[in-house]
């Protein structure tokens, strides 16, 4: 990390915590000399990150073939409004993981990976939802990315204005941002009451 290196973190606890709180990652690859960045649902399981998708997807097909990839996850915590336009920023926590994925071919690992992804969405959900059928397993590609080369970057706190700008009559500070959980909307064809793991869902559980 060359710019703002003081914001870098390399310990596993910090990297894991950010990955576990995030819901959407962005995967970047180069295919036929063209870069692609695609949003994905992911889940961390120990020192692996699992992704899934259709085998017909360009991204998933390339990832399963072991092309070099980059996964990024960013949690936006606030807008930092400074006295000068130059020093406006954001408070955030992010992770960048580099490596090569591998296609998960073992049936039991594949089932476990999909269970982990469902549990990442809502802990307890896999106990209720029907598991994948043989046909569904065949129609789903699962890719595992080992967390071997990863770093986190974090910015917190107020704006860092130039010394001369602190006297300007301009409001400065942080506008906090977060993920707001709404009221669950039950499917019209569902007669089952909303489970507690949905009504009590909180960000950061895994």
N, C-alpha and C. Protein backbone atom coordinates (compact mmCIF):
# COMPACT_ATOMS: atom_id res chain seq x y z
N UNK A 1 0.85 -1.18 0.00
CA UNK A 1 0.00 0.00 0.00
C UNK A 1 0.89 1.23 0.00
N UNK A 2 0.86 2.01 -1.07
CA UNK A 2 1.79 3.12 -1.23
C UNK A 2 1.20 4.46 -0.80
N UNK A 3 -0.06 4.69 -1.09
CA UNK A 3 -0.68 5.97 -0.72
C UNK A 3 -1.48 5.78 0.56
N UNK A 4 -1.29 6.73 1.50
CA UNK A 4 -1.96 6.63 2.81
C UNK A 4 -1.65 5.29 3.46
N UNK A 5 -0.39 4.92 3.48
CA UNK A 5 -0.01 3.60 3.99
C UNK A 5 -0.36 3.43 5.47
N UNK A 6 -0.50 4.55 6.19
CA UNK A 6 -0.86 4.46 7.60
C UNK A 6 -2.26 3.93 7.83
N UNK A 7 -3.08 3.93 6.79
CA UNK A 7 -4.43 3.40 6.91
C UNK A 7 -4.48 1.90 6.62
N UNK A 8 -3.37 1.33 6.25
CA UNK A 8 -3.35 -0.08 5.91
C UNK A 8 -3.39 -0.98 7.12
N UNK A 9 -4.04 -2.11 6.98
CA UNK A 9 -4.09 -3.14 8.02
C UNK A 9 -3.85 -4.48 7.34
N UNK A 10 -3.07 -5.33 8.00
CA UNK A 10 -2.73 -6.61 7.40
C UNK A 10 -3.04 -7.79 8.30
N UNK A 11 -3.57 -7.52 9.50
CA UNK A 11 -3.87 -8.62 10.41
C UNK A 11 -5.16 -9.32 10.00
N UNK A 12 -5.18 -10.62 10.24
CA UNK A 12 -6.31 -11.45 9.82
C UNK A 12 -7.62 -11.03 10.50
N UNK A 13 -7.56 -10.63 11.76
CA UNK A 13 -8.79 -10.27 12.48
C UNK A 13 -9.50 -9.11 11.80
N UNK A 14 -8.76 -8.09 11.40
CA UNK A 14 -9.37 -6.93 10.73
C UNK A 14 -9.92 -7.31 9.37
N UNK A 15 -9.15 -8.06 8.62
CA UNK A 15 -9.59 -8.48 7.28
C UNK A 15 -10.84 -9.34 7.38
N UNK A 16 -10.85 -10.29 8.29
CA UNK A 16 -12.02 -11.16 8.47
C UNK A 16 -13.25 -10.35 8.87
N UNK A 17 -13.08 -9.41 9.79
CA UNK A 17 -14.22 -8.63 10.29
C UNK A 17 -14.88 -7.83 9.17
N UNK A 18 -14.08 -7.24 8.30
CA UNK A 18 -14.64 -6.46 7.20
C UNK A 18 -15.34 -7.37 6.20
N UNK A 19 -14.71 -8.49 5.87
CA UNK A 19 -15.34 -9.44 4.95
C UNK A 19 -16.65 -9.97 5.52
N UNK A 20 -16.68 -10.21 6.82
CA UNK A 20 -17.89 -10.77 7.44
C UNK A 20 -19.02 -9.76 7.54
N UNK A 21 -18.69 -8.49 7.55
CA UNK A 21 -19.74 -7.47 7.62
C UNK A 21 -20.26 -7.09 6.24
N UNK A 22 -19.43 -7.26 5.24
CA UNK A 22 -19.85 -6.93 3.89
C UNK A 22 -20.84 -7.94 3.33
N UNK A 23 -21.59 -7.51 2.35
CA UNK A 23 -22.56 -8.39 1.68
C UNK A 23 -22.24 -8.55 0.19
N UNK A 24 -21.74 -7.49 -0.41
CA UNK A 24 -21.46 -7.50 -1.85
C UNK A 24 -19.98 -7.21 -2.08
N UNK A 25 -19.35 -8.01 -2.90
CA UNK A 25 -17.98 -7.76 -3.30
C UNK A 25 -17.94 -7.48 -4.79
N UNK A 26 -16.82 -6.97 -5.26
CA UNK A 26 -16.62 -6.75 -6.68
C UNK A 26 -15.39 -7.54 -7.12
N UNK A 27 -15.57 -8.36 -8.13
CA UNK A 27 -14.49 -9.20 -8.64
C UNK A 27 -14.01 -8.64 -9.97
N UNK A 28 -12.71 -8.48 -10.08
CA UNK A 28 -12.11 -8.00 -11.31
C UNK A 28 -11.23 -9.05 -11.94
N UNK A 29 -11.38 -9.22 -13.26
CA UNK A 29 -10.52 -10.12 -14.03
C UNK A 29 -10.22 -9.45 -15.36
N UNK A 30 -9.27 -10.02 -16.08
CA UNK A 30 -9.01 -9.61 -17.46
C UNK A 30 -9.27 -10.82 -18.35
N UNK A 31 -10.14 -10.65 -19.34
CA UNK A 31 -10.48 -11.72 -20.26
C UNK A 31 -10.39 -11.20 -21.69
N UNK A 32 -9.60 -11.85 -22.51
CA UNK A 32 -9.39 -11.41 -23.90
C UNK A 32 -8.95 -9.95 -23.96
N UNK A 33 -8.01 -9.59 -23.07
CA UNK A 33 -7.44 -8.25 -23.01
C UNK A 33 -8.45 -7.17 -22.62
N UNK A 34 -9.60 -7.58 -22.09
CA UNK A 34 -10.62 -6.63 -21.66
C UNK A 34 -10.85 -6.80 -20.16
N UNK A 35 -10.70 -5.73 -19.36
CA UNK A 35 -10.97 -5.86 -17.93
C UNK A 35 -12.48 -5.89 -17.65
N UNK A 36 -12.86 -6.69 -16.67
CA UNK A 36 -14.25 -6.78 -16.24
C UNK A 36 -14.30 -6.70 -14.72
N UNK A 37 -15.28 -5.97 -14.19
CA UNK A 37 -15.53 -5.91 -12.76
C UNK A 37 -17.01 -6.18 -12.54
N UNK A 38 -17.32 -7.20 -11.76
CA UNK A 38 -18.70 -7.65 -11.58
C UNK A 38 -19.02 -7.74 -10.09
N UNK A 39 -20.20 -7.22 -9.66
CA UNK A 39 -20.60 -7.39 -8.26
C UNK A 39 -21.03 -8.83 -7.99
N UNK A 40 -20.67 -9.35 -6.82
CA UNK A 40 -20.99 -10.73 -6.49
C UNK A 40 -21.40 -10.84 -5.02
N UNK A 41 -22.22 -11.83 -4.73
CA UNK A 41 -22.49 -12.24 -3.36
C UNK A 41 -21.38 -13.21 -2.96
N UNK A 42 -20.88 -13.09 -1.76
CA UNK A 42 -19.77 -13.94 -1.34
C UNK A 42 -19.95 -14.32 0.12
N UNK A 43 -19.13 -15.25 0.57
CA UNK A 43 -19.12 -15.60 1.99
C UNK A 43 -17.73 -16.11 2.35
N UNK A 44 -17.26 -15.70 3.52
CA UNK A 44 -15.97 -16.20 4.01
C UNK A 44 -16.21 -17.44 4.87
N UNK A 45 -15.33 -18.43 4.67
CA UNK A 45 -15.38 -19.65 5.48
C UNK A 45 -13.95 -19.98 5.86
N UNK A 46 -13.57 -19.64 7.08
CA UNK A 46 -12.18 -19.83 7.48
C UNK A 46 -11.27 -18.93 6.67
N UNK A 47 -10.30 -19.52 5.99
CA UNK A 47 -9.37 -18.77 5.17
C UNK A 47 -9.70 -18.87 3.69
N UNK A 48 -10.99 -19.09 3.40
CA UNK A 48 -11.45 -19.14 2.01
C UNK A 48 -12.64 -18.22 1.82
N UNK A 49 -12.75 -17.70 0.62
CA UNK A 49 -13.92 -16.93 0.22
C UNK A 49 -14.62 -17.72 -0.87
N UNK A 50 -15.92 -17.94 -0.69
CA UNK A 50 -16.70 -18.69 -1.69
C UNK A 50 -17.54 -17.72 -2.52
N UNK A 51 -17.54 -17.96 -3.83
CA UNK A 51 -18.38 -17.25 -4.77
C UNK A 51 -19.18 -18.29 -5.54
N UNK A 52 -20.31 -17.89 -6.08
CA UNK A 52 -21.06 -18.85 -6.89
C UNK A 52 -21.77 -18.13 -8.02
N UNK A 53 -22.14 -18.91 -9.04
CA UNK A 53 -22.84 -18.35 -10.18
C UNK A 53 -23.08 -19.41 -11.23
N UNK A 54 -23.54 -18.98 -12.38
CA UNK A 54 -23.83 -19.91 -13.46
C UNK A 54 -22.55 -20.28 -14.21
N UNK A 55 -22.40 -21.54 -14.58
CA UNK A 55 -21.23 -21.94 -15.38
C UNK A 55 -21.20 -21.24 -16.73
N UNK A 56 -22.34 -20.68 -17.16
CA UNK A 56 -22.41 -19.98 -18.44
C UNK A 56 -21.90 -18.54 -18.34
N UNK A 57 -21.73 -18.05 -17.12
CA UNK A 57 -21.25 -16.69 -16.91
C UNK A 57 -19.78 -16.57 -17.30
N UNK A 58 -19.44 -15.52 -18.05
CA UNK A 58 -18.05 -15.29 -18.44
C UNK A 58 -17.17 -15.18 -17.19
N UNK A 59 -17.64 -14.40 -16.21
CA UNK A 59 -16.84 -14.21 -15.00
C UNK A 59 -16.60 -15.53 -14.28
N UNK A 60 -17.67 -16.24 -14.00
CA UNK A 60 -17.55 -17.48 -13.23
C UNK A 60 -16.74 -18.52 -13.98
N UNK A 61 -16.93 -18.58 -15.29
CA UNK A 61 -16.18 -19.54 -16.10
C UNK A 61 -14.68 -19.27 -16.03
N UNK A 62 -14.31 -17.99 -16.09
CA UNK A 62 -12.90 -17.62 -16.00
C UNK A 62 -12.34 -17.87 -14.61
N UNK A 63 -13.13 -17.55 -13.59
CA UNK A 63 -12.67 -17.76 -12.22
C UNK A 63 -12.44 -19.25 -11.95
N UNK A 64 -13.35 -20.08 -12.45
CA UNK A 64 -13.22 -21.52 -12.25
C UNK A 64 -11.98 -22.07 -12.96
N UNK A 65 -11.56 -21.39 -14.02
CA UNK A 65 -10.38 -21.82 -14.76
C UNK A 65 -9.09 -21.37 -14.08
N UNK A 66 -9.19 -20.58 -13.02
CA UNK A 66 -8.02 -20.18 -12.25
C UNK A 66 -7.30 -18.96 -12.76
N UNK A 67 -8.02 -18.05 -13.46
CA UNK A 67 -7.37 -16.83 -13.92
C UNK A 67 -7.09 -15.93 -12.71
N UNK A 68 -6.06 -15.09 -12.76
CA UNK A 68 -5.81 -14.15 -11.66
C UNK A 68 -7.01 -13.24 -11.43
N UNK A 69 -7.35 -13.03 -10.18
CA UNK A 69 -8.53 -12.23 -9.86
C UNK A 69 -8.25 -11.29 -8.70
N UNK A 70 -9.11 -10.30 -8.58
CA UNK A 70 -9.06 -9.35 -7.47
C UNK A 70 -10.47 -9.22 -6.92
N UNK A 71 -10.61 -9.41 -5.62
CA UNK A 71 -11.90 -9.22 -4.95
C UNK A 71 -11.79 -8.03 -4.02
N UNK A 72 -12.71 -7.09 -4.13
CA UNK A 72 -12.73 -5.94 -3.23
C UNK A 72 -14.07 -5.87 -2.51
N UNK A 73 -14.01 -5.48 -1.25
CA UNK A 73 -15.20 -5.27 -0.43
C UNK A 73 -15.03 -3.94 0.28
N UNK A 74 -16.05 -3.07 0.20
CA UNK A 74 -15.97 -1.75 0.83
C UNK A 74 -17.21 -1.51 1.68
N UNK A 75 -17.00 -1.06 2.91
CA UNK A 75 -18.08 -0.64 3.80
C UNK A 75 -17.97 0.87 3.95
N UNK A 76 -18.98 1.59 3.50
CA UNK A 76 -18.98 3.05 3.58
C UNK A 76 -19.62 3.48 4.89
N UNK A 77 -18.85 4.15 5.74
CA UNK A 77 -19.33 4.52 7.07
C UNK A 77 -19.73 5.98 7.18
N UNK A 78 -19.27 6.84 6.28
CA UNK A 78 -19.66 8.24 6.39
C UNK A 78 -19.02 9.10 5.32
N UNK A 79 -19.66 10.25 5.05
CA UNK A 79 -19.11 11.26 4.15
C UNK A 79 -18.38 12.29 5.00
N UNK A 80 -17.15 12.57 4.63
CA UNK A 80 -16.33 13.52 5.37
C UNK A 80 -16.31 14.84 4.61
N UNK A 81 -16.97 15.86 5.18
CA UNK A 81 -17.09 17.16 4.54
C UNK A 81 -16.09 18.13 5.17
N UNK A 82 -15.12 18.53 4.39
CA UNK A 82 -14.06 19.41 4.89
C UNK A 82 -14.36 20.86 4.54
N UNK A 83 -13.53 21.75 5.02
CA UNK A 83 -13.69 23.18 4.73
C UNK A 83 -13.24 23.53 3.31
N UNK A 84 -12.39 22.68 2.76
CA UNK A 84 -11.95 22.88 1.38
C UNK A 84 -12.40 21.69 0.54
N UNK A 85 -12.63 21.93 -0.73
CA UNK A 85 -13.05 20.84 -1.61
C UNK A 85 -11.98 19.75 -1.69
N UNK A 86 -10.73 20.14 -1.61
CA UNK A 86 -9.61 19.21 -1.77
C UNK A 86 -9.60 18.14 -0.69
N UNK A 87 -10.02 18.47 0.53
CA UNK A 87 -9.90 17.54 1.65
C UNK A 87 -11.19 16.78 1.95
N UNK A 88 -12.20 16.87 1.08
CA UNK A 88 -13.38 16.03 1.25
C UNK A 88 -12.98 14.57 1.08
N UNK A 89 -13.62 13.70 1.85
CA UNK A 89 -13.24 12.29 1.81
C UNK A 89 -14.40 11.42 2.27
N UNK A 90 -14.11 10.18 2.59
CA UNK A 90 -15.09 9.24 3.12
C UNK A 90 -14.46 8.47 4.27
N UNK A 91 -15.27 8.10 5.23
CA UNK A 91 -14.85 7.14 6.23
C UNK A 91 -15.30 5.77 5.73
N UNK A 92 -14.39 4.83 5.72
CA UNK A 92 -14.69 3.54 5.11
C UNK A 92 -13.77 2.46 5.67
N UNK A 93 -14.16 1.22 5.41
CA UNK A 93 -13.34 0.05 5.69
C UNK A 93 -13.36 -0.82 4.44
N UNK A 94 -12.22 -1.21 3.95
CA UNK A 94 -12.19 -1.99 2.72
C UNK A 94 -11.16 -3.10 2.78
N UNK A 95 -11.37 -4.10 1.95
CA UNK A 95 -10.44 -5.21 1.81
C UNK A 95 -10.19 -5.46 0.33
N UNK A 96 -8.94 -5.72 -0.01
CA UNK A 96 -8.57 -6.17 -1.34
C UNK A 96 -7.89 -7.52 -1.20
N UNK A 97 -8.41 -8.52 -1.92
CA UNK A 97 -7.82 -9.86 -1.90
C UNK A 97 -7.41 -10.24 -3.32
N UNK A 98 -6.19 -10.71 -3.46
CA UNK A 98 -5.67 -11.12 -4.77
C UNK A 98 -5.39 -12.61 -4.77
N UNK A 99 -5.52 -13.22 -5.93
CA UNK A 99 -5.18 -14.64 -6.01
C UNK A 99 -5.82 -15.31 -7.20
N UNK A 100 -5.83 -16.61 -7.16
CA UNK A 100 -6.45 -17.42 -8.21
C UNK A 100 -7.48 -18.33 -7.56
N UNK A 101 -8.68 -18.32 -8.10
CA UNK A 101 -9.72 -19.17 -7.56
C UNK A 101 -9.59 -20.60 -8.09
N UNK A 102 -10.31 -21.48 -7.46
CA UNK A 102 -10.38 -22.86 -7.95
C UNK A 102 -11.84 -23.29 -7.95
N UNK A 103 -12.19 -24.07 -8.94
CA UNK A 103 -13.54 -24.59 -9.02
C UNK A 103 -13.72 -25.67 -7.95
N UNK A 104 -14.81 -25.58 -7.22
CA UNK A 104 -15.10 -26.58 -6.18
C UNK A 104 -15.84 -27.75 -6.84
N UNK A 105 -15.18 -28.87 -6.96
CA UNK A 105 -15.75 -30.04 -7.63
C UNK A 105 -16.25 -31.09 -6.65
N UNK A 106 -15.67 -31.12 -5.45
CA UNK A 106 -16.12 -32.10 -4.46
C UNK A 106 -17.56 -31.78 -4.06
N UNK A 107 -18.43 -32.77 -4.16
CA UNK A 107 -19.87 -32.56 -3.92
C UNK A 107 -20.14 -32.04 -2.51
N UNK A 108 -19.44 -32.60 -1.53
CA UNK A 108 -19.71 -32.22 -0.15
C UNK A 108 -19.20 -30.81 0.14
N UNK A 109 -18.03 -30.46 -0.40
CA UNK A 109 -17.54 -29.10 -0.21
C UNK A 109 -18.45 -28.10 -0.92
N UNK A 110 -18.93 -28.48 -2.09
CA UNK A 110 -19.82 -27.60 -2.84
C UNK A 110 -21.11 -27.34 -2.08
N UNK A 111 -21.69 -28.40 -1.52
CA UNK A 111 -22.91 -28.24 -0.72
C UNK A 111 -22.64 -27.36 0.50
N UNK A 112 -21.49 -27.58 1.14
CA UNK A 112 -21.15 -26.79 2.32
C UNK A 112 -20.92 -25.33 1.94
N UNK A 113 -20.27 -25.10 0.81
CA UNK A 113 -20.03 -23.72 0.36
C UNK A 113 -21.35 -22.99 0.12
N UNK A 114 -22.29 -23.65 -0.52
CA UNK A 114 -23.59 -23.03 -0.78
C UNK A 114 -24.35 -22.80 0.52
N UNK A 115 -24.20 -23.73 1.47
CA UNK A 115 -24.83 -23.53 2.78
C UNK A 115 -24.24 -22.31 3.47
N UNK A 116 -22.91 -22.15 3.39
CA UNK A 116 -22.24 -21.01 4.00
C UNK A 116 -22.72 -19.70 3.38
N UNK A 117 -22.92 -19.69 2.07
CA UNK A 117 -23.39 -18.48 1.39
C UNK A 117 -24.80 -18.13 1.84
N UNK A 118 -25.66 -19.15 1.96
CA UNK A 118 -27.03 -18.90 2.43
C UNK A 118 -27.01 -18.41 3.88
N UNK A 119 -26.16 -19.02 4.70
CA UNK A 119 -26.05 -18.60 6.10
C UNK A 119 -25.50 -17.18 6.21
N UNK A 120 -24.66 -16.79 5.28
CA UNK A 120 -24.13 -15.43 5.29
C UNK A 120 -25.25 -14.42 5.08
N UNK A 121 -26.21 -14.76 4.25
CA UNK A 121 -27.34 -13.86 4.02
C UNK A 121 -28.21 -13.74 5.26
N UNK A 122 -28.49 -14.88 5.89
CA UNK A 122 -29.34 -14.87 7.09
C UNK A 122 -29.00 -16.10 7.93
N UNK A 123 -28.23 -15.93 9.01
CA UNK A 123 -27.86 -17.07 9.85
C UNK A 123 -29.09 -17.82 10.36
N UNK A 124 -29.13 -19.12 10.11
CA UNK A 124 -30.27 -19.94 10.47
C UNK A 124 -31.13 -20.31 9.28
N UNK A 125 -30.92 -19.65 8.17
CA UNK A 125 -31.76 -19.86 6.99
C UNK A 125 -31.60 -21.25 6.40
N UNK A 126 -30.39 -21.79 6.43
CA UNK A 126 -30.16 -23.08 5.80
C UNK A 126 -30.91 -24.21 6.49
N UNK A 127 -31.33 -23.99 7.74
CA UNK A 127 -32.12 -25.00 8.44
C UNK A 127 -33.55 -25.05 7.93
N UNK A 128 -34.02 -23.94 7.34
CA UNK A 128 -35.38 -23.87 6.84
C UNK A 128 -35.48 -24.16 5.34
N UNK A 129 -34.60 -23.54 4.57
CA UNK A 129 -34.70 -23.63 3.12
C UNK A 129 -34.29 -25.01 2.60
N UNK A 130 -34.94 -25.43 1.53
CA UNK A 130 -34.57 -26.70 0.88
C UNK A 130 -33.18 -26.59 0.30
N UNK A 131 -32.38 -27.61 0.49
CA UNK A 131 -31.04 -27.63 -0.08
C UNK A 131 -31.08 -27.84 -1.59
N UNK A 132 -29.95 -27.63 -2.26
CA UNK A 132 -29.91 -27.77 -3.72
C UNK A 132 -30.09 -29.22 -4.16
N UNK A 133 -30.85 -29.40 -5.25
CA UNK A 133 -31.01 -30.72 -5.84
C UNK A 133 -29.78 -31.04 -6.67
N UNK A 134 -29.69 -32.27 -7.15
CA UNK A 134 -28.56 -32.67 -8.00
C UNK A 134 -28.51 -31.81 -9.26
N UNK A 135 -29.67 -31.52 -9.82
CA UNK A 135 -29.75 -30.69 -11.02
C UNK A 135 -29.29 -29.27 -10.73
N UNK A 136 -29.69 -28.74 -9.57
CA UNK A 136 -29.29 -27.38 -9.19
C UNK A 136 -27.79 -27.29 -8.91
N UNK A 137 -27.25 -28.34 -8.29
CA UNK A 137 -25.81 -28.37 -8.04
C UNK A 137 -25.04 -28.35 -9.35
N UNK A 138 -25.52 -29.10 -10.33
CA UNK A 138 -24.86 -29.17 -11.63
C UNK A 138 -24.93 -27.82 -12.34
N UNK A 139 -26.01 -27.08 -12.10
CA UNK A 139 -26.21 -25.80 -12.78
C UNK A 139 -25.55 -24.63 -12.05
N UNK A 140 -24.82 -24.95 -10.96
CA UNK A 140 -24.17 -23.91 -10.17
C UNK A 140 -22.67 -24.17 -10.10
N UNK A 141 -21.91 -23.14 -10.42
CA UNK A 141 -20.45 -23.22 -10.27
C UNK A 141 -20.07 -22.51 -8.98
N UNK A 142 -19.23 -23.15 -8.18
CA UNK A 142 -18.74 -22.56 -6.94
C UNK A 142 -17.23 -22.39 -7.07
N UNK A 143 -16.75 -21.21 -6.71
CA UNK A 143 -15.33 -20.90 -6.80
C UNK A 143 -14.83 -20.56 -5.40
N UNK A 144 -13.68 -21.12 -5.03
CA UNK A 144 -13.06 -20.84 -3.74
C UNK A 144 -11.81 -20.01 -3.96
N UNK A 145 -11.71 -18.88 -3.25
CA UNK A 145 -10.52 -18.04 -3.31
C UNK A 145 -9.82 -18.09 -1.95
N UNK A 146 -8.61 -18.63 -1.87
CA UNK A 146 -7.90 -18.64 -0.59
C UNK A 146 -7.46 -17.24 -0.20
N UNK A 147 -7.58 -16.92 1.08
CA UNK A 147 -7.16 -15.59 1.56
C UNK A 147 -5.68 -15.66 1.89
N UNK A 148 -4.86 -15.57 0.86
CA UNK A 148 -3.41 -15.65 1.05
C UNK A 148 -2.75 -14.29 0.86
N UNK A 149 -3.27 -13.47 -0.02
CA UNK A 149 -2.73 -12.12 -0.23
C UNK A 149 -3.87 -11.13 -0.12
N UNK A 150 -3.97 -10.49 1.03
CA UNK A 150 -5.08 -9.57 1.28
C UNK A 150 -4.63 -8.45 2.19
N UNK A 151 -5.27 -7.30 2.03
CA UNK A 151 -4.98 -6.15 2.90
C UNK A 151 -6.26 -5.37 3.12
N UNK A 152 -6.30 -4.67 4.23
CA UNK A 152 -7.44 -3.81 4.55
C UNK A 152 -6.97 -2.36 4.58
N UNK A 153 -7.90 -1.46 4.31
CA UNK A 153 -7.61 -0.03 4.40
C UNK A 153 -8.79 0.63 5.09
N UNK A 154 -8.48 1.49 6.06
CA UNK A 154 -9.53 2.08 6.90
C UNK A 154 -9.29 3.57 7.06
N UNK A 155 -10.37 4.34 6.93
CA UNK A 155 -10.30 5.77 7.26
C UNK A 155 -11.39 6.08 8.26
N UNK A 156 -11.04 6.73 9.35
CA UNK A 156 -12.00 7.13 10.37
C UNK A 156 -11.71 8.58 10.77
N UNK A 157 -12.66 9.16 11.46
CA UNK A 157 -12.41 10.47 12.06
C UNK A 157 -12.87 11.65 11.22
N UNK A 158 -12.60 12.86 11.74
CA UNK A 158 -13.06 14.10 11.12
C UNK A 158 -12.22 14.48 9.91
N UNK A 159 -12.60 15.55 9.22
CA UNK A 159 -11.79 16.01 8.09
C UNK A 159 -10.42 16.50 8.55
N UNK A 160 -9.46 16.39 7.66
CA UNK A 160 -8.10 16.86 7.95
C UNK A 160 -7.82 18.06 7.05
N UNK A 161 -8.25 19.23 7.50
CA UNK A 161 -8.09 20.45 6.70
C UNK A 161 -6.69 21.02 6.83
N UNK A 162 -6.36 21.85 5.87
CA UNK A 162 -5.12 22.63 5.97
C UNK A 162 -5.26 23.60 7.14
N UNK A 163 -4.16 23.88 7.82
CA UNK A 163 -4.19 24.71 9.03
C UNK A 163 -4.88 26.05 8.79
N UNK A 164 -4.64 26.67 7.66
CA UNK A 164 -5.22 28.00 7.38
C UNK A 164 -6.72 27.94 7.17
N UNK A 165 -7.25 26.77 6.83
CA UNK A 165 -8.67 26.66 6.51
C UNK A 165 -9.56 26.50 7.74
N UNK A 166 -8.97 26.22 8.91
CA UNK A 166 -9.80 26.01 10.09
C UNK A 166 -10.53 27.27 10.53
N UNK A 167 -10.11 28.40 10.05
CA UNK A 167 -10.78 29.66 10.40
C UNK A 167 -11.90 30.00 9.44
N UNK A 168 -12.08 29.24 8.37
CA UNK A 168 -13.14 29.53 7.39
C UNK A 168 -14.52 29.28 8.01
N UNK A 169 -15.49 30.15 7.72
CA UNK A 169 -16.85 29.98 8.26
C UNK A 169 -17.65 28.95 7.45
N UNK A 170 -17.14 27.74 7.40
CA UNK A 170 -17.76 26.67 6.61
C UNK A 170 -18.00 25.47 7.53
N UNK A 171 -19.21 24.89 7.46
CA UNK A 171 -19.47 23.70 8.29
C UNK A 171 -18.58 22.56 7.83
N UNK A 172 -18.01 21.84 8.78
CA UNK A 172 -17.18 20.68 8.48
C UNK A 172 -17.50 19.58 9.48
N UNK A 173 -17.42 18.36 9.03
CA UNK A 173 -17.70 17.23 9.91
C UNK A 173 -17.96 15.97 9.12
N UNK A 174 -18.62 15.02 9.78
CA UNK A 174 -18.89 13.71 9.18
C UNK A 174 -20.39 13.46 9.15
N UNK A 175 -20.88 13.01 8.00
CA UNK A 175 -22.27 12.58 7.87
C UNK A 175 -22.27 11.06 7.91
N UNK A 176 -22.63 10.46 9.06
CA UNK A 176 -22.58 9.00 9.17
C UNK A 176 -23.56 8.32 8.21
N UNK A 177 -23.15 7.19 7.68
CA UNK A 177 -23.99 6.39 6.80
C UNK A 177 -23.99 4.96 7.30
N UNK A 178 -25.06 4.25 7.02
CA UNK A 178 -25.14 2.85 7.44
C UNK A 178 -26.18 2.10 6.64
N UNK A 179 -26.25 0.79 6.88
CA UNK A 179 -27.24 -0.06 6.23
C UNK A 179 -28.48 -0.12 7.10
N UNK A 180 -29.61 0.32 6.56
CA UNK A 180 -30.86 0.33 7.33
C UNK A 180 -31.67 -0.90 6.99
N UNK A 181 -32.11 -1.61 8.00
CA UNK A 181 -32.93 -2.81 7.80
C UNK A 181 -34.40 -2.42 7.85
N UNK A 182 -35.13 -2.77 6.81
CA UNK A 182 -36.55 -2.44 6.74
C UNK A 182 -37.43 -3.55 7.31
N UNK A 183 -38.73 -3.37 7.17
CA UNK A 183 -39.70 -4.37 7.62
C UNK A 183 -39.79 -5.47 6.58
N UNK A 184 -39.66 -6.75 6.98
CA UNK A 184 -39.74 -7.85 6.01
C UNK A 184 -41.05 -7.84 5.23
N UNK A 185 -40.99 -8.10 3.94
CA UNK A 185 -42.16 -8.15 3.07
C UNK A 185 -42.39 -9.63 2.70
N UNK A 186 -43.45 -10.22 3.22
CA UNK A 186 -43.72 -11.64 3.00
C UNK A 186 -44.25 -11.88 1.60
N UNK A 187 -43.75 -12.95 0.98
CA UNK A 187 -44.23 -13.37 -0.34
C UNK A 187 -45.74 -13.63 -0.26
N UNK A 188 -46.47 -13.20 -1.29
CA UNK A 188 -47.93 -13.35 -1.29
C UNK A 188 -48.37 -14.81 -1.16
N UNK A 189 -47.54 -15.73 -1.63
CA UNK A 189 -47.91 -17.15 -1.60
C UNK A 189 -47.27 -17.88 -0.42
N UNK A 190 -46.86 -17.12 0.59
CA UNK A 190 -46.26 -17.71 1.79
C UNK A 190 -47.20 -17.57 2.97
N UNK A 191 -47.50 -18.70 3.63
CA UNK A 191 -48.41 -18.68 4.79
C UNK A 191 -47.65 -18.89 6.10
N UNK A 192 -46.32 -18.84 6.05
CA UNK A 192 -45.50 -19.07 7.24
C UNK A 192 -45.13 -17.73 7.86
N UNK A 193 -45.13 -17.68 9.18
CA UNK A 193 -44.78 -16.43 9.85
C UNK A 193 -43.30 -16.12 9.65
N UNK A 194 -42.96 -14.86 9.78
CA UNK A 194 -41.58 -14.42 9.57
C UNK A 194 -40.70 -14.96 10.69
N UNK A 195 -39.63 -15.69 10.36
CA UNK A 195 -38.77 -16.26 11.41
C UNK A 195 -37.96 -15.19 12.13
N UNK A 196 -37.50 -15.54 13.32
CA UNK A 196 -36.75 -14.59 14.14
C UNK A 196 -35.43 -14.18 13.51
N UNK A 197 -34.81 -15.09 12.73
CA UNK A 197 -33.54 -14.72 12.12
C UNK A 197 -33.71 -13.67 11.02
N UNK A 198 -34.96 -13.46 10.59
CA UNK A 198 -35.25 -12.38 9.63
C UNK A 198 -35.60 -11.10 10.39
N UNK A 199 -36.52 -11.20 11.36
CA UNK A 199 -36.91 -9.99 12.09
C UNK A 199 -35.77 -9.44 12.93
N UNK A 200 -34.88 -10.33 13.36
CA UNK A 200 -33.76 -9.88 14.20
C UNK A 200 -32.45 -9.75 13.46
N UNK A 201 -32.50 -9.70 12.12
CA UNK A 201 -31.29 -9.66 11.29
C UNK A 201 -30.48 -8.40 11.61
N UNK A 202 -29.18 -8.58 11.79
CA UNK A 202 -28.29 -7.45 12.01
C UNK A 202 -27.08 -7.57 11.12
N UNK A 203 -26.54 -6.45 10.73
CA UNK A 203 -25.37 -6.42 9.85
C UNK A 203 -24.15 -6.94 10.61
N UNK A 204 -23.37 -7.76 9.93
CA UNK A 204 -22.12 -8.21 10.52
C UNK A 204 -22.14 -9.62 11.03
N UNK A 205 -23.31 -10.29 11.06
CA UNK A 205 -23.36 -11.67 11.49
C UNK A 205 -22.92 -12.58 10.37
N UNK A 206 -22.31 -13.69 10.71
CA UNK A 206 -21.88 -14.66 9.70
C UNK A 206 -21.94 -16.07 10.26
